[in-house]
PDB file of N, CA and C in Angstrom:
ATOM      1  N   MET A   1       1.286  -1.468  -0.338  1.00  0.00           N
ATOM      2  CA  MET A   1       0.547   0.609  -0.206  1.00  0.00           C
ATOM      3  C   MET A   1       1.228   1.334   0.562  1.00  0.00           C
ATOM      4  N   HIS A   2       1.650   1.718  -0.782  1.00  0.00           N
ATOM      5  CA  HIS A   2       3.084   2.580  -0.677  1.00  0.00           C
ATOM      6  C   HIS A   2       2.468   3.212  -1.831  1.00  0.00           C
ATOM      7  N   SER A   3       1.336   3.167  -2.397  1.00  0.00           N
ATOM      8  CA  SER A   3       1.146   3.813  -3.699  1.00  0.00           C
ATOM      9  C   SER A   3       1.139   5.660  -3.637  1.00  0.00           C
ATOM     10  N   ASP A   4       1.263   5.925  -5.305  1.00  0.00           N
ATOM     11  CA  ASP A   4       1.606   7.542  -4.851  1.00  0.00           C
ATOM     12  C   ASP A   4      -0.382   7.960  -4.252  1.00  0.00           C
ATOM     13  N   HIS A   5      -1.014   7.576  -4.244  1.00  0.00           N
ATOM     14  CA  HIS A   5      -2.051   7.757  -3.982  1.00  0.00           C
ATOM     15  C   HIS A   5      -1.824   8.338  -2.072  1.00  0.00           C
ATOM     16  N   SER A   6      -0.892   6.977  -1.508  1.00  0.00           N
ATOM     17  CA  SER A   6      -1.140   6.627  -0.469  1.00  0.00           C
ATOM     18  C   SER A   6       0.420   7.342   0.342  1.00  0.00           C
ATOM     19  N   ARG A   7       1.693   8.860  -0.423  1.00  0.00           N
ATOM     20  CA  ARG A   7       2.295   8.922  -0.406  1.00  0.00           C
ATOM     21  C   ARG A   7       0.875  10.341   0.206  1.00  0.00           C
ATOM     22  N   LEU A   8       0.177  10.642  -1.208  1.00  0.00           N
ATOM     23  CA  LEU A   8      -0.645  11.753  -0.772  1.00  0.00           C
ATOM     24  C   LEU A   8      -1.217  11.615   0.342  1.00  0.00           C
ATOM     25  N   PHE A   9      -1.484  10.909   0.681  1.00  0.00           N
ATOM     26  CA  PHE A   9      -2.698  10.967   2.266  1.00  0.00           C
ATOM     27  C   PHE A   9      -0.774  10.896   3.471  1.00  0.00           C
ATOM     28  N   SER A  10      -0.430  10.893   3.392  1.00  0.00           N
ATOM     29  CA  SER A  10       0.386  10.383   4.045  1.00  0.00           C
ATOM     30  C   SER A  10       1.290  12.339   3.752  1.00  0.00           C
ATOM     31  N   HIS A  11       1.329  12.801   2.664  1.00  0.00           N
ATOM     32  CA  HIS A  11       1.600  14.207   3.151  1.00  0.00           C
ATOM     33  C   HIS A  11       0.713  15.471   3.509  1.00  0.00           C
ATOM     34  N   MET A  12       0.092  15.195   3.539  1.00  0.00           N
ATOM     35  CA  MET A  12      -2.210  15.211   3.618  1.00  0.00           C
ATOM     36  C   MET A  12      -2.170  15.450   5.388  1.00  0.00           C
ATOM     37  N   LEU A  13      -1.754  14.205   5.921  1.00  0.00           N
ATOM     38  CA  LEU A  13      -1.186  13.834   7.112  1.00  0.00           C
ATOM     39  C   LEU A  13      -0.200  14.296   7.988  1.00  0.00           C
ATOM     40  N   TYR A  14       0.701  14.562   6.969  1.00  0.00           N
ATOM     41  CA  TYR A  14       1.581  15.603   6.916  1.00  0.00           C
ATOM     42  C   TYR A  14       1.341  17.156   7.353  1.00  0.00           C
ATOM     43  N   GLU A  15       0.771  17.651   6.761  1.00  0.00           N
ATOM     44  CA  GLU A  15       0.849  19.329   6.874  1.00  0.00           C
ATOM     45  C   GLU A  15      -0.648  18.982   8.177  1.00  0.00           C
ATOM     46  N   TYR A  16      -1.488  18.354   8.368  1.00  0.00           N
ATOM     47  CA  TYR A  16      -2.539  18.492   9.522  1.00  0.00           C
ATOM     48  C   TYR A  16      -1.841  18.627  10.596  1.00  0.00           C
ATOM     49  N   LYS A  17      -0.507  17.959  10.822  1.00  0.00           N
ATOM     50  CA  LYS A  17      -0.659  17.189  11.965  1.00  0.00           C
ATOM     51  C   LYS A  17       1.241  19.291  12.154  1.00  0.00           C
ATOM     52  N   LYS A  18       1.100  19.160  11.482  1.00  0.00           N
ATOM     53  CA  LYS A  18       2.187  20.899  11.099  1.00  0.00           C
ATOM     54  C   LYS A  18       1.413  22.028  11.301  1.00  0.00           C
ATOM     55  N   GLY A  19       0.186  21.928  11.234  1.00  0.00           N
ATOM     56  CA  GLY A  19      -0.537  23.132  11.537  1.00  0.00           C
ATOM     57  C   GLY A  19      -1.094  23.630  10.082  1.00  0.00           C
ATOM     58  N   VAL A  20      -0.569  23.146   9.437  1.00  0.00           N
ATOM     59  CA  VAL A  20      -0.310  23.497   7.374  1.00  0.00           C
ATOM     60  C   VAL A  20      -1.856  23.319   7.664  1.00  0.00           C
ATOM     61  N   ARG A  21      -2.780  22.996   7.490  1.00  0.00           N
ATOM     62  CA  ARG A  21      -4.583  22.803   7.641  1.00  0.00           C
ATOM     63  C   ARG A  21      -4.881  22.004   8.725  1.00  0.00           C
ATOM     64  N   LYS A  22      -5.866  22.713   9.431  1.00  0.00           N
ATOM     65  CA  LYS A  22      -7.494  21.768   9.723  1.00  0.00           C
ATOM     66  C   LYS A  22      -7.885  20.563   9.651  1.00  0.00           C
ATOM     67  N   LEU A  23      -7.994  20.816   7.994  1.00  0.00           N
ATOM     68  CA  LEU A  23      -9.488  19.758   8.196  1.00  0.00           C
ATOM     69  C   LEU A  23      -9.058  19.023   6.412  1.00  0.00           C
ATOM     70  N   ALA A  24      -9.523  18.428   6.393  1.00  0.00           N
ATOM     71  CA  ALA A  24      -8.636  18.102   5.545  1.00  0.00           C
ATOM     72  C   ALA A  24      -9.696  16.861   4.584  1.00  0.00           C
ATOM     73  N   MET A  25      -9.136  16.569   3.142  1.00  0.00           N
ATOM     74  CA  MET A  25     -10.530  15.639   3.281  1.00  0.00           C
ATOM     75  C   MET A  25      -9.637  14.586   1.458  1.00  0.00           C
ATOM     76  N   TYR A  26      -9.757  13.015   1.427  1.00  0.00           N
ATOM     77  CA  TYR A  26      -8.948  11.847   1.261  1.00  0.00           C
ATOM     78  C   TYR A  26     -10.154  11.536   0.550  1.00  0.00           C
ATOM     79  N   THR A  27     -10.282  11.074  -1.247  1.00  0.00           N
ATOM     80  CA  THR A  27     -11.481  10.602  -0.926  1.00  0.00           C
ATOM     81  C   THR A  27     -10.373   9.340  -1.940  1.00  0.00           C
ATOM     82  N   CYS A  28     -11.107   8.136  -1.692  1.00  0.00           N
ATOM     83  CA  CYS A  28     -10.543   6.600  -1.714  1.00  0.00           C
ATOM     84  C   CYS A  28     -11.415   5.742  -1.769  1.00  0.00           C
ATOM     85  N   SER A  29     -11.088   4.229  -2.949  1.00  0.00           N
ATOM     86  CA  SER A  29     -11.461   3.106  -2.087  1.00  0.00           C
ATOM     87  C   SER A  29     -12.267   2.675  -1.450  1.00  0.00           C
ATOM     88  N   GLU A  30     -12.865   2.504  -0.877  1.00  0.00           N
ATOM     89  CA  GLU A  30     -13.098   1.958   0.811  1.00  0.00           C
ATOM     90  C   GLU A  30     -12.386   1.412   1.194  1.00  0.00           C
ATOM     91  N   SER A  31     -11.643  -0.206   0.566  1.00  0.00           N
ATOM     92  CA  SER A  31     -10.914  -1.109   0.669  1.00  0.00           C
ATOM     93  C   SER A  31      -9.689  -0.251   1.438  1.00  0.00           C
ATOM     94  N   GLU A  32      -9.192   0.378   0.591  1.00  0.00           N
ATOM     95  CA  GLU A  32      -7.853   1.371   0.187  1.00  0.00           C
ATOM     96  C   GLU A  32      -7.817   2.358   2.020  1.00  0.00           C
ATOM     97  N   SER A  33      -9.750   2.578   2.453  1.00  0.00           N
ATOM     98  CA  SER A  33      -9.172   3.311   3.060  1.00  0.00           C
ATOM     99  C   SER A  33      -9.291   3.005   4.854  1.00  0.00           C
ATOM    100  N   TYR A  34      -9.343   1.643   5.305  1.00  0.00           N
ATOM    101  CA  TYR A  34      -9.231   0.579   5.826  1.00  0.00           C
ATOM    102  C   TYR A  34      -7.240   1.656   6.390  1.00  0.00           C
ATOM    103  N   PHE A  35      -6.574   1.459   6.143  1.00  0.00           N
ATOM    104  CA  PHE A  35      -5.703   1.439   6.318  1.00  0.00           C
ATOM    105  C   PHE A  35      -5.598   2.919   6.506  1.00  0.00           C
ATOM    106  N   HIS A  36      -5.721   3.613   5.610  1.00  0.00           N
ATOM    107  CA  HIS A  36      -6.053   5.015   5.729  1.00  0.00           C
ATOM    108  C   HIS A  36      -5.919   5.803   7.380  1.00  0.00           C
ATOM    109  N   ILE A  37      -7.767   4.723   7.524  1.00  0.00           N
ATOM    110  CA  ILE A  37      -8.507   5.327   8.966  1.00  0.00           C
ATOM    111  C   ILE A  37      -7.156   4.597  10.090  1.00  0.00           C
ATOM    112  N   LYS A  38      -6.462   3.876  10.582  1.00  0.00           N
ATOM    113  CA  LYS A  38      -6.286   2.572  11.054  1.00  0.00           C
ATOM    114  C   LYS A  38      -4.882   4.336  11.572  1.00  0.00           C
ATOM    115  N   LYS A  39      -4.080   5.041  10.396  1.00  0.00           N
ATOM    116  CA  LYS A  39      -3.319   5.755  10.831  1.00  0.00           C
ATOM    117  C   LYS A  39      -3.593   6.423  11.047  1.00  0.00           C
ATOM    118  N   LEU A  40      -5.457   7.090  11.265  1.00  0.00           N
ATOM    119  CA  LEU A  40      -5.754   8.698  12.058  1.00  0.00           C
ATOM    120  C   LEU A  40      -5.581   7.714  12.956  1.00  0.00           C
ATOM    121  N   GLN A  41      -7.021   6.886  13.704  1.00  0.00           N
ATOM    122  CA  GLN A  41      -6.474   5.443  14.861  1.00  0.00           C
ATOM    123  C   GLN A  41      -4.754   6.563  15.750  1.00  0.00           C
ATOM    124  N   THR A  42      -4.427   5.234  15.171  1.00  0.00           N
ATOM    125  CA  THR A  42      -3.043   6.023  15.461  1.00  0.00           C
ATOM    126  C   THR A  42      -2.475   6.728  16.598  1.00  0.00           C
ATOM    127  N   SER A  43      -2.286   7.837  15.421  1.00  0.00           N
ATOM    128  CA  SER A  43      -2.310   9.363  15.750  1.00  0.00           C
ATOM    129  C   SER A  43      -3.419   9.985  16.258  1.00  0.00           C
ATOM    130  N   ASP A  44      -4.417   9.324  16.644  1.00  0.00           N
ATOM    131  CA  ASP A  44      -5.445  10.378  17.981  1.00  0.00           C
ATOM    132  C   ASP A  44      -6.123  11.052  16.825  1.00  0.00           C
ATOM    133  N   ILE A  45      -6.386  11.603  15.293  1.00  0.00           N
ATOM    134  CA  ILE A  45      -6.793  12.517  14.927  1.00  0.00           C
ATOM    135  C   ILE A  45      -8.375  12.172  14.893  1.00  0.00           C
ATOM    136  N   ALA A  46      -9.492  13.150  14.515  1.00  0.00           N
ATOM    137  CA  ALA A  46     -10.477  13.481  14.505  1.00  0.00           C
ATOM    138  C   ALA A  46     -10.506  12.723  13.240  1.00  0.00           C
ATOM    139  N   TYR A  47     -11.743  11.918  12.649  1.00  0.00           N
ATOM    140  CA  TYR A  47     -12.457  12.098  10.823  1.00  0.00           C
ATOM    141  C   TYR A  47     -13.082  10.808  11.029  1.00  0.00           C
ATOM    142  N   VAL A  48     -14.244  11.701  10.255  1.00  0.00           N
ATOM    143  CA  VAL A  48     -15.602  11.196   9.660  1.00  0.00           C
ATOM    144  C   VAL A  48     -15.403  10.518   7.666  1.00  0.00           C
ATOM    145  N   VAL A  49     -16.082   8.955   7.618  1.00  0.00           N
ATOM    146  CA  VAL A  49     -15.656   8.881   6.574  1.00  0.00           C
ATOM    147  C   VAL A  49     -17.500   8.631   5.994  1.00  0.00           C
ATOM    148  N   SER A  50     -17.551   8.941   4.192  1.00  0.00           N
ATOM    149  CA  SER A  50     -18.553   9.742   4.698  1.00  0.00           C
ATOM    150  C   SER A  50     -18.356   8.928   2.491  1.00  0.00           C
ATOM    151  N   GLU A  51     -19.467   8.377   2.098  1.00  0.00           N
ATOM    152  CA  GLU A  51     -19.161   8.276   0.577  1.00  0.00           C
ATOM    153  C   GLU A  51     -19.936   8.583  -0.438  1.00  0.00           C
ATOM    154  N   ALA A  52     -19.083   8.357  -1.241  1.00  0.00           N
ATOM    155  CA  ALA A  52     -19.017   9.246  -2.286  1.00  0.00           C
ATOM    156  C   ALA A  52     -19.276   8.797  -3.651  1.00  0.00           C
ATOM    157  N   PHE A  53     -18.384   8.286  -4.441  1.00  0.00           N
ATOM    158  CA  PHE A  53     -19.394   7.873  -5.906  1.00  0.00           C
ATOM    159  C   PHE A  53     -18.388   5.827  -5.658  1.00  0.00           C
ATOM    160  N   ASN A  54     -18.729   5.166  -7.563  1.00  0.00           N
ATOM    161  CA  ASN A  54     -18.190   4.363  -8.165  1.00  0.00           C
ATOM    162  C   ASN A  54     -17.406   3.446  -6.832  1.00  0.00           C
ATOM    163  N   ASP A  55     -18.232   3.617  -5.548  1.00  0.00           N
ATOM    164  CA  ASP A  55     -16.844   2.637  -4.864  1.00  0.00           C
ATOM    165  C   ASP A  55     -16.146   3.113  -3.305  1.00  0.00           C
ATOM    166  N   LYS A  56     -16.418   4.527  -3.700  1.00  0.00           N
ATOM    167  CA  LYS A  56     -14.807   5.458  -3.460  1.00  0.00           C
ATOM    168  C   LYS A  56     -16.053   5.867  -1.740  1.00  0.00           C
ATOM    169  N   VAL A  57     -15.118   6.947  -0.776  1.00  0.00           N
ATOM    170  CA  VAL A  57     -15.353   7.019  -0.169  1.00  0.00           C
ATOM    171  C   VAL A  57     -15.053   8.425   0.330  1.00  0.00           C
ATOM    172  N   ASN A  58     -15.020   9.638   0.857  1.00  0.00           N
ATOM    173  CA  ASN A  58     -14.344  10.413   1.333  1.00  0.00           C
ATOM    174  C   ASN A  58     -14.138  10.067   2.988  1.00  0.00           C
ATOM    175  N   ILE A  59     -12.703  10.602   3.534  1.00  0.00           N
ATOM    176  CA  ILE A  59     -12.328  10.044   4.599  1.00  0.00           C
ATOM    177  C   ILE A  59     -12.218  11.966   4.954  1.00  0.00           C
ATOM    178  N   PHE A  60     -12.568  13.251   5.881  1.00  0.00           N
ATOM    179  CA  PHE A  60     -12.057  13.777   5.822  1.00  0.00           C
ATOM    180  C   PHE A  60     -11.514  13.511   7.555  1.00  0.00           C
ATOM    181  N   PHE A  61     -10.625  13.902   8.070  1.00  0.00           N
ATOM    182  CA  PHE A  61      -9.623  14.233   8.921  1.00  0.00           C
ATOM    183  C   PHE A  61      -8.599  15.729   9.302  1.00  0.00           C
ATOM    184  N   GLY A  62      -9.722  16.060  10.738  1.00  0.00           N
ATOM    185  CA  GLY A  62      -8.374  16.943  11.419  1.00  0.00           C
ATOM    186  C   GLY A  62      -9.118  17.484  12.765  1.00  0.00           C
ATOM    187  N   ASP A  63      -8.836  18.983  13.070  1.00  0.00           N
ATOM    188  CA  ASP A  63      -9.827  18.773  14.109  1.00  0.00           C
ATOM    189  C   ASP A  63     -10.928  18.849  14.351  1.00  0.00           C
ATOM    190  N   CYS A  64     -10.967  18.652  15.740  1.00  0.00           N
ATOM    191  CA  CYS A  64     -12.442  17.460  16.302  1.00  0.00           C
ATOM    192  C   CYS A  64     -13.583  19.286  14.820  1.00  0.00           C
ATOM    193  N   PRO A  65     -13.479  20.410  16.286  1.00  0.00           N
ATOM    194  CA  PRO A  65     -14.705  21.735  16.171  1.00  0.00           C
ATOM    195  C   PRO A  65     -15.122  21.159  14.363  1.00  0.00           C
ATOM    196  N   CYS A  66     -13.703  21.220  12.924  1.00  0.00           N
ATOM    197  CA  CYS A  66     -13.719  20.741  11.890  1.00  0.00           C
ATOM    198  C   CYS A  66     -14.629  19.440  11.529  1.00  0.00           C
ATOM    199  N   ILE A  67     -13.679  18.236  12.879  1.00  0.00           N
ATOM    200  CA  ILE A  67     -14.999  17.252  12.389  1.00  0.00           C
ATOM    201  C   ILE A  67     -15.980  17.579  12.552  1.00  0.00           C
ATOM    202  N   SER A  68     -17.010  18.132  13.576  1.00  0.00           N
ATOM    203  CA  SER A  68     -18.002  18.290  14.527  1.00  0.00           C
ATOM    204  C   SER A  68     -19.195  18.534  12.896  1.00  0.00           C
ATOM    205  N   ILE A  69     -18.283  19.723  12.769  1.00  0.00           N
ATOM    206  CA  ILE A  69     -19.283  20.976  11.322  1.00  0.00           C
ATOM    207  C   ILE A  69     -19.837  19.614  10.583  1.00  0.00           C
ATOM    208  N   ILE A  70     -18.172  18.481   9.979  1.00  0.00           N
ATOM    209  CA  ILE A  70     -19.560  17.524   8.875  1.00  0.00           C
ATOM    210  C   ILE A  70     -20.146  17.115   9.294  1.00  0.00           C
ATOM    211  N   GLU A  71     -19.806  16.520  10.703  1.00  0.00           N
ATOM    212  CA  GLU A  71     -21.596  15.305  10.952  1.00  0.00           C
ATOM    213  C   GLU A  71     -22.421  16.460  10.875  1.00  0.00           C
ATOM    214  N   SER A  72     -22.263  17.077  10.849  1.00  0.00           N
ATOM    215  CA  SER A  72     -23.761  17.827  10.802  1.00  0.00           C
ATOM    216  C   SER A  72     -24.379  17.518   9.154  1.00  0.00           C
ATOM    217  N   PHE A  73     -23.207  18.142   9.189  1.00  0.00           N
ATOM    218  CA  PHE A  73     -23.953  18.000   7.698  1.00  0.00           C
ATOM    219  C   PHE A  73     -25.367  16.464   6.886  1.00  0.00           C
ATOM    220  N   GLY A  74     -24.494  15.654   8.517  1.00  0.00           N
ATOM    221  CA  GLY A  74     -25.513  14.277   8.305  1.00  0.00           C
ATOM    222  C   GLY A  74     -24.793  13.197   7.400  1.00  0.00           C
ATOM    223  N   GLU A  75     -25.234  12.281   6.114  1.00  0.00           N
ATOM    224  CA  GLU A  75     -24.995  11.668   5.278  1.00  0.00           C
ATOM    225  C   GLU A  75     -24.298  11.299   4.283  1.00  0.00           C
ATOM    226  N   LYS A  76     -25.237  13.170   3.706  1.00  0.00           N
ATOM    227  CA  LYS A  76     -24.943  13.716   2.238  1.00  0.00           C
ATOM    228  C   LYS A  76     -23.615  13.454   1.566  1.00  0.00           C
ATOM    229  N   LYS A  77     -24.053  13.353   0.578  1.00  0.00           N
ATOM    230  CA  LYS A  77     -22.982  13.320  -0.897  1.00  0.00           C
ATOM    231  C   LYS A  77     -22.849  14.525  -1.038  1.00  0.00           C
ATOM    232  N   LEU A  78     -21.321  14.912  -1.207  1.00  0.00           N
ATOM    233  CA  LEU A  78     -21.273  16.925  -1.762  1.00  0.00           C
ATOM    234  C   LEU A  78     -21.984  17.073  -3.078  1.00  0.00           C
ATOM    235  N   ASN A  79     -22.268  16.769  -3.449  1.00  0.00           N
ATOM    236  CA  ASN A  79     -23.114  16.994  -4.049  1.00  0.00           C
ATOM    237  C   ASN A  79     -24.326  17.067  -3.979  1.00  0.00           C
ATOM    238  N   ASP A  80     -24.766  16.580  -2.817  1.00  0.00           N
ATOM    239  CA  ASP A  80     -26.529  16.953  -2.640  1.00  0.00           C
ATOM    240  C   ASP A  80     -25.661  17.678  -1.610  1.00  0.00           C
ATOM    241  N   LEU A  81     -24.619  18.344  -0.803  1.00  0.00           N
ATOM    242  CA  LEU A  81     -24.516  19.844   0.396  1.00  0.00           C
ATOM    243  C   LEU A  81     -26.209  20.378   0.150  1.00  0.00           C
ATOM    244  N   ASP A  82     -26.179  21.469   0.566  1.00  0.00           N
ATOM    245  CA  ASP A  82     -27.039  23.251  -0.378  1.00  0.00           C
ATOM    246  C   ASP A  82     -25.600  24.145  -0.249  1.00  0.00           C
ATOM    247  N   GLU A  83     -26.001  25.024  -0.502  1.00  0.00           N
ATOM    248  CA  GLU A  83     -25.136  26.798  -0.593  1.00  0.00           C
ATOM    249  C   GLU A  83     -23.872  26.589   0.512  1.00  0.00           C
ATOM    250  N   LYS A  84     -25.166  26.787   1.559  1.00  0.00           N
ATOM    251  CA  LYS A  84     -24.316  26.679   3.370  1.00  0.00           C
ATOM    252  C   LYS A  84     -23.708  25.617   2.571  1.00  0.00           C
ATOM    253  N   GLU A  85     -23.717  24.529   3.285  1.00  0.00           N
ATOM    254  CA  GLU A  85     -22.966  23.947   3.521  1.00  0.00           C
ATOM    255  C   GLU A  85     -21.914  23.617   2.433  1.00  0.00           C
ATOM    256  N   ASP A  86     -21.901  23.931   1.044  1.00  0.00           N
ATOM    257  CA  ASP A  86     -20.992  23.916   0.025  1.00  0.00           C
ATOM    258  C   ASP A  86     -20.070  24.564   0.365  1.00  0.00           C
ATOM    259  N   PHE A  87     -20.486  25.240   0.930  1.00  0.00           N
ATOM    260  CA  PHE A  87     -19.745  27.336   1.260  1.00  0.00           C
ATOM    261  C   PHE A  87     -18.074  26.961   2.181  1.00  0.00           C
ATOM    262  N   ILE A  88     -19.374  26.111   3.313  1.00  0.00           N
ATOM    263  CA  ILE A  88     -18.547  25.698   4.712  1.00  0.00           C
ATOM    264  C   ILE A  88     -17.651  25.340   4.758  1.00  0.00           C
ATOM    265  N   LEU A  89     -17.868  23.970   3.646  1.00  0.00           N
ATOM    266  CA  LEU A  89     -16.492  23.468   4.080  1.00  0.00           C
ATOM    267  C   LEU A  89     -15.967  23.238   3.291  1.00  0.00           C
ATOM    268  N   GLY A  90     -16.044  24.400   2.017  1.00  0.00           N
ATOM    269  CA  GLY A  90     -14.801  24.988   0.968  1.00  0.00           C
ATOM    270  C   GLY A  90     -13.667  25.576   2.163  1.00  0.00           C
ATOM    271  N   VAL A  91     -14.561  26.944   3.160  1.00  0.00           N
ATOM    272  CA  VAL A  91     -14.366  27.529   3.448  1.00  0.00           C
ATOM    273  C   VAL A  91     -12.838  26.653   4.274  1.00  0.00           C
ATOM    274  N   LEU A  92     -13.034  25.401   5.416  1.00  0.00           N
ATOM    275  CA  LEU A  92     -12.595  24.729   6.360  1.00  0.00           C
ATOM    276  C   LEU A  92     -11.763  23.650   5.957  1.00  0.00           C
ATOM    277  N   LEU A  93     -11.678  23.613   4.993  1.00  0.00           N
ATOM    278  CA  LEU A  93     -10.232  22.751   2.942  1.00  0.00           C
ATOM    279  C   LEU A  93     -10.010  23.577   2.790  1.00  0.00           C
ATOM    280  N   GLY A  94      -9.786  24.555   3.541  1.00  0.00           N
ATOM    281  CA  GLY A  94      -8.500  25.968   2.575  1.00  0.00           C
ATOM    282  C   GLY A  94      -9.398  26.299   1.320  1.00  0.00           C
ATOM    283  N   TYR A  95     -10.602  26.192   1.221  1.00  0.00           N
ATOM    284  CA  TYR A  95      -9.877  27.343  -0.710  1.00  0.00           C
ATOM    285  C   TYR A  95     -10.183  28.412  -0.743  1.00  0.00           C
ATOM    286  N   ASP A  96      -9.888  29.237  -0.954  1.00  0.00           N
ATOM    287  CA  ASP A  96      -9.717  30.224  -1.366  1.00  0.00           C
ATOM    288  C   ASP A  96     -11.302  31.153  -1.079  1.00  0.00           C
ATOM    289  N   ILE A  97     -11.165  32.385  -0.143  1.00  0.00           N
ATOM    290  CA  ILE A  97     -12.035  32.522   1.134  1.00  0.00           C
ATOM    291  C   ILE A  97     -12.966  34.113   0.505  1.00  0.00           C
ATOM    292  N   THR A  98     -12.352  34.630  -1.499  1.00  0.00           N
ATOM    293  CA  THR A  98     -13.045  34.703  -2.349  1.00  0.00           C
ATOM    294  C   THR A  98     -13.819  34.336  -3.266  1.00  0.00           C
ATOM    295  N   LYS A  99     -12.986  32.709  -3.691  1.00  0.00           N
ATOM    296  CA  LYS A  99     -13.399  32.416  -5.318  1.00  0.00           C
ATOM    297  C   LYS A  99     -15.161  31.142  -3.689  1.00  0.00           C
ATOM    298  N   GLN A 100     -14.730  31.013  -2.641  1.00  0.00           N
ATOM    299  CA  GLN A 100     -15.815  30.998  -2.067  1.00  0.00           C
ATOM    300  C   GLN A 100     -16.453  31.674  -2.214  1.00  0.00           C
ATOM    301  N   CYS A 101     -16.332  33.029  -1.823  1.00  0.00           N
ATOM    302  CA  CYS A 101     -18.085  33.453  -1.763  1.00  0.00           C
ATOM    303  C   CYS A 101     -18.019  33.614  -3.480  1.00  0.00           C
ATOM    304  N   GLU A 102     -17.885  34.431  -4.162  1.00  0.00           N
ATOM    305  CA  GLU A 102     -18.439  34.149  -4.968  1.00  0.00           C
ATOM    306  C   GLU A 102     -19.189  33.022  -5.900  1.00  0.00           C
ATOM    307  N   ARG A 103     -18.614  31.898  -5.686  1.00  0.00           N
ATOM    308  CA  ARG A 103     -19.512  30.734  -5.651  1.00  0.00           C
ATOM    309  C   ARG A 103     -20.721  30.580  -5.227  1.00  0.00           C
ATOM    310  N   TYR A 104     -20.622  30.593  -3.151  1.00  0.00           N
ATOM    311  CA  TYR A 104     -21.683  31.270  -2.942  1.00  0.00           C
ATOM    312  C   TYR A 104     -22.764  32.503  -3.722  1.00  0.00           C
ATOM    313  N   MET A 105     -22.499  33.431  -3.544  1.00  0.00           N
ATOM    314  CA  MET A 105     -23.044  34.174  -4.024  1.00  0.00           C
ATOM    315  C   MET A 105     -24.132  33.872  -5.414  1.00  0.00           C
ATOM    316  N   GLY A 106     -23.286  33.375  -6.678  1.00  0.00           N
ATOM    317  CA  GLY A 106     -23.590  33.256  -7.342  1.00  0.00           C
ATOM    318  C   GLY A 106     -24.844  32.174  -7.366  1.00  0.00           C
ATOM    319  N   MET A 107     -24.000  30.511  -6.968  1.00  0.00           N
ATOM    320  CA  MET A 107     -25.657  29.707  -6.710  1.00  0.00           C
ATOM    321  C   MET A 107     -26.826  30.456  -5.896  1.00  0.00           C
ATOM    322  N   ILE A 108     -27.071  31.468  -4.934  1.00  0.00           N
ATOM    323  CA  ILE A 108     -28.106  31.889  -4.524  1.00  0.00           C
ATOM    324  C   ILE A 108     -28.082  33.790  -4.891  1.00  0.00           C
ATOM    325  N   VAL A 109     -28.113  34.084  -5.377  1.00  0.00           N
ATOM    326  CA  VAL A 109     -28.397  34.793  -6.109  1.00  0.00           C
ATOM    327  C   VAL A 109     -27.644  35.589  -7.387  1.00  0.00           C
ATOM    328  N   PRO A 110     -27.086  34.714  -7.940  1.00  0.00           N
ATOM    329  CA  PRO A 110     -27.049  34.970  -9.526  1.00  0.00           C
ATOM    330  C   PRO A 110     -26.336  36.199 -10.802  1.00  0.00           C
ATOM    331  N   ASP A 111     -27.670  37.121 -10.116  1.00  0.00           N
ATOM    332  CA  ASP A 111     -27.640  38.407 -10.562  1.00  0.00           C
ATOM    333  C   ASP A 111     -26.771  39.295  -9.811  1.00  0.00           C
ATOM    334  N   LYS A 112     -26.372  39.379  -8.563  1.00  0.00           N
ATOM    335  CA  LYS A 112     -25.040  39.899  -8.111  1.00  0.00           C
ATOM    336  C   LYS A 112     -23.148  39.486  -8.172  1.00  0.00           C
ATOM    337  N   CYS A 113     -23.630  38.869  -9.291  1.00  0.00           N
ATOM    338  CA  CYS A 113     -22.596  38.525  -9.918  1.00  0.00           C
ATOM    339  C   CYS A 113     -21.780  40.016 -10.665  1.00  0.00           C
ATOM    340  N   LYS A 114     -23.566  40.769 -11.622  1.00  0.00           N
ATOM    341  CA  LYS A 114     -23.010  41.311 -11.726  1.00  0.00           C
ATOM    342  C   LYS A 114     -22.360  42.454 -11.459  1.00  0.00           C
ATOM    343  N   ALA A 115     -23.429  42.742 -10.082  1.00  0.00           N
ATOM    344  CA  ALA A 115     -23.031  44.022  -8.890  1.00  0.00           C
ATOM    345  C   ALA A 115     -21.615  44.472  -9.479  1.00  0.00           C
ATOM    346  N   CYS A 116     -20.627  43.471  -8.953  1.00  0.00           N
ATOM    347  CA  CYS A 116     -19.367  43.308  -8.089  1.00  0.00           C
ATOM    348  C   CYS A 116     -18.121  43.369 -10.111  1.00  0.00           C
ATOM    349  N   PRO A 117     -17.521  44.115 -10.743  1.00  0.00           N
ATOM    350  CA  PRO A 117     -16.370  44.123 -10.843  1.00  0.00           C
ATOM    351  C   PRO A 117     -16.170  42.629 -11.076  1.00  0.00           C
ATOM    352  N   SER A 118     -15.349  42.495 -10.271  1.00  0.00           N
ATOM    353  CA  SER A 118     -13.840  40.721  -9.723  1.00  0.00           C
ATOM    354  C   SER A 118     -15.358  39.685 -10.598  1.00  0.00           C
ATOM    355  N   MET A 119     -16.242  40.399  -9.981  1.00  0.00           N
ATOM    356  CA  MET A 119     -17.529  38.860  -9.647  1.00  0.00           C
ATOM    357  C   MET A 119     -17.948  38.562 -10.849  1.00  0.00           C
ATOM    358  N   ALA A 120     -18.047  39.333 -11.867  1.00  0.00           N
ATOM    359  CA  ALA A 120     -18.649  40.020 -13.242  1.00  0.00           C
ATOM    360  C   ALA A 120     -17.760  38.912 -14.312  1.00  0.00           C
ATOM    361  N   LYS A 121     -16.412  38.608 -13.514  1.00  0.00           N
ATOM    362  CA  LYS A 121     -15.309  37.831 -14.889  1.00  0.00           C
ATOM    363  C   LYS A 121     -15.578  36.444 -14.346  1.00  0.00           C
ATOM    364  N   SER A 122     -16.293  35.615 -13.343  1.00  0.00           N
ATOM    365  CA  SER A 122     -15.896  34.613 -13.363  1.00  0.00           C
ATOM    366  C   SER A 122     -17.234  34.373 -12.690  1.00  0.00           C
ATOM    367  N   CYS A 123     -18.298  34.959 -12.784  1.00  0.00           N
ATOM    368  CA  CYS A 123     -19.592  33.890 -12.802  1.00  0.00           C
ATOM    369  C   CYS A 123     -19.634  34.067 -14.956  1.00  0.00           C
TER     370      CYS A 123
END
C-alpha cells in the first residue's frame, strides 16, 4: 500500500500535524480507506468517513470542531450539500475565501455577479 495515493494521504496527514491545514479530505476506495483510518486512529486524529461515488469514500480528518461541522451535514454526498454547507466545507478545507464567496453568491443570487466587477469575470 505504498502507492502514489498513499503518499498523497501521508503528505496531507503531515500537513495537518504541522498545522498547515485544520481539515483535510481524502477520496479513496473503500478497501484502501481501512489502511488510512488505522493511521488516523493510531495518531489519535478525529475523522469521519462518508460515501462518495463508484465504491469510493471521502475521509475527512482534522480538528474536532471541524469534524463536528462535517458530521452536522449528515450522510449527504458532496453534490447533495446545500449552498451554505458547500460554502462552509470549502472554507474549512482552505479554499480561496473570495472564490468561495463568489461561488456561494453565484448559487444563491445569480444577478449578484453583475454588481461586483471582480465577480463578473468569474461568473
